């Protein structure tokens, strides 16, 4: 059986090799993506690590019947969106409210992080990680944690003995 750590490392390697991810991150965050597998040396990552992808086994790993054949990986995608001037900001698309027009404000920072997350999901689906992804679940951050925006991916993997 392929070890869970090897599967996590294979996924990280596939994402690290993506020039599309590096270019997207440079455009929207000012530098390429930092990818960490397992624990961060300096504690939980924050805006100083932006943009980052934190890959680790989900907390509920191996708690289900038949769990010896599956496990869940958690991917935390986060970043501080930067504007053309290089300053961190949360882009808001606004229609000004008036007496006769409804106002509209949309957090634009989240969509940039969510698009990065979805780009990473495409890589995960195609990666030859050593296990089969059987379920992908997305989690959004609807309430801003300025300046850091984040989104999460949970991927359940199946590792049948036939892989051995």
C-alpha atoms as a PDB file:
ATOM      1  CA  UNK A   1       0.000   0.000   0.000  1.00  0.00           C
ATOM      2  CA  UNK A   2       1.256   3.491  -0.816  1.00  0.00           C
ATOM      3  CA  UNK A   3       1.784   5.480   2.380  1.00  0.00           C
ATOM      4  CA  UNK A   4      -0.449   8.447   3.065  1.00  0.00           C
ATOM      5  CA  UNK A   5       2.610  10.697   3.294  1.00  0.00           C
ATOM      6  CA  UNK A   6       3.688   9.570  -0.197  1.00  0.00           C
ATOM      7  CA  UNK A   7       0.247  10.371  -1.573  1.00  0.00           C
ATOM      8  CA  UNK A   8       0.317  13.835   0.036  1.00  0.00           C
ATOM      9  CA  UNK A   9       3.810  14.436  -1.337  1.00  0.00           C
ATOM     10  CA  UNK A  10       2.786  13.297  -4.831  1.00  0.00           C
ATOM     11  CA  UNK A  11      -0.146  15.727  -4.784  1.00  0.00           C
ATOM     12  CA  UNK A  12       2.071  18.579  -3.592  1.00  0.00           C
ATOM     13  CA  UNK A  13       4.630  17.810  -6.306  1.00  0.00           C
ATOM     14  CA  UNK A  14       1.961  17.879  -9.035  1.00  0.00           C
ATOM     15  CA  UNK A  15       0.682  21.263  -7.828  1.00  0.00           C
ATOM     16  CA  UNK A  16       4.203  22.664  -7.410  1.00  0.00           C
ATOM     17  CA  UNK A  17       4.991  21.833 -11.049  1.00  0.00           C
ATOM     18  CA  UNK A  18       2.073  23.919 -12.379  1.00  0.00           C
ATOM     19  CA  UNK A  19       3.229  27.091 -14.105  1.00  0.00           C
ATOM     20  CA  UNK A  20      -0.449  28.115 -14.398  1.00  0.00           C
ATOM     21  CA  UNK A  21      -0.726  28.143 -10.598  1.00  0.00           C
ATOM     22  CA  UNK A  22       2.555  30.054 -10.228  1.00  0.00           C
ATOM     23  CA  UNK A  23       1.495  32.651 -12.821  1.00  0.00           C
ATOM     24  CA  UNK A  24      -1.985  33.067 -11.317  1.00  0.00           C
ATOM     25  CA  UNK A  25      -0.518  33.555  -7.849  1.00  0.00           C
ATOM     26  CA  UNK A  26       2.051  36.054  -9.073  1.00  0.00           C
ATOM     27  CA  UNK A  27      -0.674  38.045 -10.840  1.00  0.00           C
ATOM     28  CA  UNK A  28      -3.099  38.153  -7.889  1.00  0.00           C
ATOM     29  CA  UNK A  29      -0.865  37.842  -4.818  1.00  0.00           C
ATOM     30  CA  UNK A  30       2.511  39.214  -5.920  1.00  0.00           C
ATOM     31  CA  UNK A  31       4.446  35.933  -5.671  1.00  0.00           C
ATOM     32  CA  UNK A  32       4.144  32.224  -6.395  1.00  0.00           C
ATOM     33  CA  UNK A  33       2.383  29.696  -4.144  1.00  0.00           C
ATOM     34  CA  UNK A  34       4.037  28.263  -1.004  1.00  0.00           C
ATOM     35  CA  UNK A  35       3.026  24.611  -0.610  1.00  0.00           C
ATOM     36  CA  UNK A  36       3.430  22.819   2.715  1.00  0.00           C
ATOM     37  CA  UNK A  37       2.698  19.174   3.480  1.00  0.00           C
ATOM     38  CA  UNK A  38       1.948  18.452   7.130  1.00  0.00           C
ATOM     39  CA  UNK A  39       2.829  20.750   9.999  1.00  0.00           C
ATOM     40  CA  UNK A  40       4.177  24.253   9.441  1.00  0.00           C
ATOM     41  CA  UNK A  41       7.456  24.786  11.258  1.00  0.00           C
ATOM     42  CA  UNK A  42       6.330  28.140  12.668  1.00  0.00           C
ATOM     43  CA  UNK A  43       2.783  27.202  13.673  1.00  0.00           C
ATOM     44  CA  UNK A  44      -0.415  27.842  11.735  1.00  0.00           C
ATOM     45  CA  UNK A  45       0.179  29.775   8.486  1.00  0.00           C
ATOM     46  CA  UNK A  46      -1.086  33.347   8.206  1.00  0.00           C
ATOM     47  CA  UNK A  47      -1.029  36.368   5.902  1.00  0.00           C
ATOM     48  CA  UNK A  48       2.794  36.480   6.000  1.00  0.00           C
ATOM     49  CA  UNK A  49       2.821  33.119   4.171  1.00  0.00           C
ATOM     50  CA  UNK A  50       0.462  34.377   1.433  1.00  0.00           C
ATOM     51  CA  UNK A  51      -0.347  32.789  -0.910  1.00  0.00           C
ATOM     52  CA  UNK A  52      -0.155  29.298   0.498  1.00  0.00           C
ATOM     53  CA  UNK A  53      -1.525  25.803   0.166  1.00  0.00           C
ATOM     54  CA  UNK A  54      -1.495  23.680   3.314  1.00  0.00           C
ATOM     55  CA  UNK A  55      -1.946  19.957   2.690  1.00  0.00           C
ATOM     56  CA  UNK A  56      -2.556  17.582   5.578  1.00  0.00           C
ATOM     57  CA  UNK A  57      -4.638  14.584   6.590  1.00  0.00           C
ATOM     58  CA  UNK A  58      -8.119  15.578   7.708  1.00  0.00           C
ATOM     59  CA  UNK A  59      -8.928  15.270  11.403  1.00  0.00           C
ATOM     60  CA  UNK A  60     -11.480  12.526  10.782  1.00  0.00           C
ATOM     61  CA  UNK A  61      -8.937  10.260   9.103  1.00  0.00           C
ATOM     62  CA  UNK A  62      -9.590   6.543   9.579  1.00  0.00           C
ATOM     63  CA  UNK A  63     -12.597   6.796  11.881  1.00  0.00           C
ATOM     64  CA  UNK A  64     -15.123   5.007   9.659  1.00  0.00           C
ATOM     65  CA  UNK A  65     -15.840   1.343   9.109  1.00  0.00           C
ATOM     66  CA  UNK A  66     -13.686   0.174   6.217  1.00  0.00           C
ATOM     67  CA  UNK A  67     -11.481   3.197   6.715  1.00  0.00           C
ATOM     68  CA  UNK A  68      -8.368   1.129   6.081  1.00  0.00           C
ATOM     69  CA  UNK A  69      -9.264   1.536   2.407  1.00  0.00           C
ATOM     70  CA  UNK A  70      -9.839   5.303   2.423  1.00  0.00           C
ATOM     71  CA  UNK A  71      -8.624   8.524   3.936  1.00  0.00           C
ATOM     72  CA  UNK A  72      -9.384  12.231   3.586  1.00  0.00           C
ATOM     73  CA  UNK A  73      -6.937  14.996   2.736  1.00  0.00           C
ATOM     74  CA  UNK A  74      -7.573  18.657   3.613  1.00  0.00           C
ATOM     75  CA  UNK A  75      -6.184  21.388   1.367  1.00  0.00           C
ATOM     76  CA  UNK A  76      -6.310  24.952   2.718  1.00  0.00           C
ATOM     77  CA  UNK A  77      -5.831  27.536  -0.042  1.00  0.00           C
ATOM     78  CA  UNK A  78      -5.287  31.086   1.203  1.00  0.00           C
ATOM     79  CA  UNK A  79      -3.931  34.414   0.142  1.00  0.00           C
ATOM     80  CA  UNK A  80      -3.986  38.171   0.546  1.00  0.00           C
ATOM     81  CA  UNK A  81      -5.228  39.584  -2.728  1.00  0.00           C
ATOM     82  CA  UNK A  82      -3.083  42.435  -4.024  1.00  0.00           C
ATOM     83  CA  UNK A  83      -4.093  45.266  -6.306  1.00  0.00           C
ATOM     84  CA  UNK A  84      -2.168  46.689  -9.263  1.00  0.00           C
ATOM     85  CA  UNK A  85      -0.292  48.963  -6.850  1.00  0.00           C
ATOM     86  CA  UNK A  86       0.974  45.930  -4.889  1.00  0.00           C
ATOM     87  CA  UNK A  87      -1.047  46.794  -1.796  1.00  0.00           C
ATOM     88  CA  UNK A  88      -3.206  44.198  -0.076  1.00  0.00           C
ATOM     89  CA  UNK A  89      -6.907  44.783  -0.498  1.00  0.00           C
ATOM     90  CA  UNK A  90     -10.256  43.107  -0.767  1.00  0.00           C
ATOM     91  CA  UNK A  91     -11.733  44.008  -4.093  1.00  0.00           C
ATOM     92  CA  UNK A  92     -15.377  44.995  -3.814  1.00  0.00           C
ATOM     93  CA  UNK A  93     -17.574  45.351  -6.841  1.00  0.00           C
ATOM     94  CA  UNK A  94     -20.147  47.965  -5.878  1.00  0.00           C
ATOM     95  CA  UNK A  95     -23.320  49.399  -7.307  1.00  0.00           C
ATOM     96  CA  UNK A  96     -23.965  52.477  -5.264  1.00  0.00           C
ATOM     97  CA  UNK A  97     -27.315  52.543  -3.524  1.00  0.00           C
ATOM     98  CA  UNK A  98     -29.499  55.539  -4.197  1.00  0.00           C
ATOM     99  CA  UNK A  99     -33.090  56.446  -3.483  1.00  0.00           C
ATOM    100  CA  UNK A 100     -34.236  54.509  -6.570  1.00  0.00           C
ATOM    101  CA  UNK A 101     -31.428  51.924  -7.143  1.00  0.00           C
ATOM    102  CA  UNK A 102     -30.553  48.975  -4.907  1.00  0.00           C
ATOM    103  CA  UNK A 103     -26.927  48.832  -3.813  1.00  0.00           C
ATOM    104  CA  UNK A 104     -24.694  45.773  -4.284  1.00  0.00           C
ATOM    105  CA  UNK A 105     -21.347  44.867  -2.703  1.00  0.00           C
ATOM    106  CA  UNK A 106     -19.552  41.597  -3.506  1.00  0.00           C
ATOM    107  CA  UNK A 107     -16.335  40.456  -1.868  1.00  0.00           C
ATOM    108  CA  UNK A 108     -14.009  40.095  -4.847  1.00  0.00           C
ATOM    109  CA  UNK A 109     -11.105  38.683  -2.833  1.00  0.00           C
ATOM    110  CA  UNK A 110     -12.924  35.434  -2.166  1.00  0.00           C
ATOM    111  CA  UNK A 111     -13.543  34.722  -5.836  1.00  0.00           C
ATOM    112  CA  UNK A 112      -9.823  35.059  -6.595  1.00  0.00           C
ATOM    113  CA  UNK A 113      -8.939  32.517  -3.886  1.00  0.00           C
ATOM    114  CA  UNK A 114     -11.821  30.230  -4.916  1.00  0.00           C
ATOM    115  CA  UNK A 115     -10.649  30.323  -8.562  1.00  0.00           C
ATOM    116  CA  UNK A 116      -7.168  29.296  -7.374  1.00  0.00           C
ATOM    117  CA  UNK A 117      -8.747  26.509  -5.317  1.00  0.00           C
ATOM    118  CA  UNK A 118     -10.668  25.264  -8.376  1.00  0.00           C
ATOM    119  CA  UNK A 119      -7.483  25.363 -10.472  1.00  0.00           C
ATOM    120  CA  UNK A 120      -5.815  23.182  -7.827  1.00  0.00           C
ATOM    121  CA  UNK A 121      -8.797  20.789  -7.866  1.00  0.00           C
ATOM    122  CA  UNK A 122      -8.175  20.241 -11.587  1.00  0.00           C
ATOM    123  CA  UNK A 123      -4.583  19.249 -10.814  1.00  0.00           C
ATOM    124  CA  UNK A 124      -5.710  16.966  -7.981  1.00  0.00           C
ATOM    125  CA  UNK A 125      -8.141  15.152 -10.302  1.00  0.00           C
ATOM    126  CA  UNK A 126      -5.388  14.456 -12.849  1.00  0.00           C
ATOM    127  CA  UNK A 127      -2.537  13.713 -10.425  1.00  0.00           C
ATOM    128  CA  UNK A 128      -1.110  10.197 -10.263  1.00  0.00           C
ATOM    129  CA  UNK A 129      -0.891  10.337  -6.479  1.00  0.00           C
ATOM    130  CA  UNK A 130      -1.053   6.638  -5.630  1.00  0.00           C
ATOM    131  CA  UNK A 131      -4.733   6.570  -4.630  1.00  0.00           C
ATOM    132  CA  UNK A 132      -8.084   7.227  -6.298  1.00  0.00           C
ATOM    133  CA  UNK A 133     -10.002  10.406  -5.423  1.00  0.00           C
ATOM    134  CA  UNK A 134     -13.618   9.339  -4.862  1.00  0.00           C
ATOM    135  CA  UNK A 135     -15.134  12.503  -3.417  1.00  0.00           C
ATOM    136  CA  UNK A 136     -14.197  16.191  -3.552  1.00  0.00           C
ATOM    137  CA  UNK A 137     -15.901  18.733  -1.304  1.00  0.00           C
ATOM    138  CA  UNK A 138     -15.372  22.492  -1.399  1.00  0.00           C
ATOM    139  CA  UNK A 139     -15.717  24.853   1.543  1.00  0.00           C
ATOM    140  CA  UNK A 140     -15.884  28.611   1.080  1.00  0.00           C
ATOM    141  CA  UNK A 141     -15.073  31.443   3.446  1.00  0.00           C
ATOM    142  CA  UNK A 142     -18.104  33.696   3.108  1.00  0.00           C
ATOM    143  CA  UNK A 143     -17.078  36.040   5.879  1.00  0.00           C
ATOM    144  CA  UNK A 144     -13.853  37.868   5.147  1.00  0.00           C
ATOM    145  CA  UNK A 145     -10.850  37.485   7.427  1.00  0.00           C
ATOM    146  CA  UNK A 146      -9.121  40.545   6.032  1.00  0.00           C
ATOM    147  CA  UNK A 147      -6.538  40.594   4.714  1.00  0.00           C
ATOM    148  CA  UNK A 148      -6.370  36.777   4.385  1.00  0.00           C
ATOM    149  CA  UNK A 149      -8.982  35.072   2.221  1.00  0.00           C
ATOM    150  CA  UNK A 150      -9.222  31.274   2.223  1.00  0.00           C
ATOM    151  CA  UNK A 151     -11.055  28.285   0.783  1.00  0.00           C
ATOM    152  CA  UNK A 152     -10.775  24.586   1.616  1.00  0.00           C
ATOM    153  CA  UNK A 153     -10.826  21.353  -0.366  1.00  0.00           C
ATOM    154  CA  UNK A 154     -11.542  17.963   1.192  1.00  0.00           C
ATOM    155  CA  UNK A 155     -10.598  15.008  -0.998  1.00  0.00           C
ATOM    156  CA  UNK A 156     -11.523  11.494  -0.006  1.00  0.00           C
ATOM    157  CA  UNK A 157      -9.172   8.905  -1.451  1.00  0.00           C
ATOM    158  CA  UNK A 158      -9.733   5.212  -1.983  1.00  0.00           C
ATOM    159  CA  UNK A 159      -6.679   2.987  -1.852  1.00  0.00           C
ATOM    160  CA  UNK A 160      -7.819  -0.531  -2.651  1.00  0.00           C
ATOM    161  CA  UNK A 161      -5.350  -3.381  -2.284  1.00  0.00           C
ATOM    162  CA  UNK A 162      -5.450  -3.737  -6.058  1.00  0.00           C
ATOM    163  CA  UNK A 163      -3.088  -0.733  -6.189  1.00  0.00           C
ATOM    164  CA  UNK A 164      -0.331  -2.802  -4.576  1.00  0.00           C
END
